[in-house]
Amino acid sequence: MPPEDSHLSERSEKAAKIIAHPGNFKVCEGCDSIVAKRVAICPNCSGYRFDDESARVVEQATLLASRAQTTVTHEDLQ
């Protein structure tokens, strides 16, 4: 399996877990990352405004699972 296919497969698996329990997550309005509901500040952009509507979380998870990662995350900087 090419590395890109593996990466998309991993993103799809994460998205499926988020879609199964959207109430445990929220979408950062600064960078569109999906974070745990308990997070107060986005670890990727330091944003503090979130959309916790389940429909928005599902929509964003579906979108992110369909394409390769395009943003730099906190883990990328370590």
Protein backbone atom coordinates (compact mmCIF):
# COMPACT_ATOMS: atom_id res chain seq x y z
CA MET A 1 0.00 0.00 0.00
CA PRO A 2 1.50 3.38 -0.94
CA PRO A 3 2.21 5.71 2.02
CA GLU A 4 -0.49 8.18 0.90
CA ASP A 5 -3.13 5.41 0.86
CA SER A 6 -2.01 4.31 4.33
CA HIS A 7 -2.30 7.88 5.61
CA LEU A 8 -5.82 8.29 4.18
CA SER A 9 -6.81 4.95 5.66
CA GLU A 10 -5.60 6.10 9.08
CA ARG A 11 -7.52 9.38 8.73
CA SER A 12 -10.66 7.44 7.74
CA GLU A 13 -10.36 5.24 10.83
CA LYS A 14 -10.04 8.30 13.08
CA ALA A 15 -12.98 9.96 11.34
CA ALA A 16 -15.13 6.86 11.87
CA LYS A 17 -14.44 7.01 15.62
CA ILE A 18 -15.33 10.71 15.70
CA ILE A 19 -18.49 10.20 13.64
CA ALA A 20 -19.57 7.39 15.99
CA HIS A 21 -19.37 9.77 18.99
CA PRO A 22 -19.56 13.39 17.72
CA GLY A 23 -20.70 14.65 21.12
CA ASN A 24 -17.19 14.01 22.46
CA PHE A 25 -15.59 16.43 19.99
CA LYS A 26 -15.75 19.97 18.66
CA VAL A 27 -14.36 21.85 15.65
CA CYS A 28 -11.89 24.71 16.12
CA GLU A 29 -13.22 27.81 14.37
CA GLY A 30 -9.66 29.04 13.87
CA CYS A 31 -8.16 26.13 11.94
CA ASP A 32 -11.02 23.61 11.47
CA SER A 33 -9.22 20.94 13.51
CA ILE A 34 -11.32 18.46 15.45
CA VAL A 35 -10.42 18.35 19.13
CA ALA A 36 -11.74 16.63 22.24
CA LYS A 37 -14.68 18.35 23.92
CA ARG A 38 -12.61 18.97 27.09
CA VAL A 39 -9.97 21.08 25.26
CA ALA A 40 -10.07 24.80 26.09
CA ILE A 41 -7.39 25.97 23.64
CA CYS A 42 -6.71 24.38 20.26
CA PRO A 43 -3.31 22.63 20.33
CA ASN A 44 -2.77 23.43 16.64
CA CYS A 45 -3.55 27.16 16.40
CA SER A 46 -4.16 28.28 20.01
CA GLY A 47 -7.71 29.22 19.05
CA TYR A 48 -10.38 29.29 21.72
CA ARG A 49 -13.62 29.39 19.73
CA PHE A 50 -15.23 26.09 18.88
CA ASP A 51 -18.34 24.71 17.21
CA ASP A 52 -19.62 21.73 19.18
CA GLU A 53 -22.71 20.98 17.08
CA SER A 54 -22.70 17.27 16.27
CA ALA A 55 -23.65 17.91 12.64
CA ARG A 56 -20.64 20.22 12.19
CA VAL A 57 -18.29 17.68 13.80
CA VAL A 58 -19.55 14.91 11.48
CA GLU A 59 -19.29 17.19 8.44
CA GLN A 60 -15.70 18.17 9.28
CA ALA A 61 -14.64 14.59 10.08
CA THR A 62 -16.01 13.44 6.73
CA LEU A 63 -14.14 16.21 4.92
CA LEU A 64 -10.84 15.59 6.70
CA ALA A 65 -11.04 11.84 6.04
CA SER A 66 -11.41 12.45 2.32
CA ARG A 67 -8.15 14.34 1.80
CA ALA A 68 -4.53 14.35 2.87
CA GLN A 69 -3.46 16.45 5.85
CA THR A 70 -2.64 20.01 4.81
CA THR A 71 -1.95 21.69 8.13
CA VAL A 72 0.98 21.59 10.52
CA THR A 73 0.03 20.08 13.87
CA HIS A 74 1.60 20.40 17.30
CA GLU A 75 3.13 16.92 16.87
CA ASP A 76 4.80 18.00 13.63
CA LEU A 77 6.69 20.73 15.49
CA GLN A 78 8.18 18.46 18.16
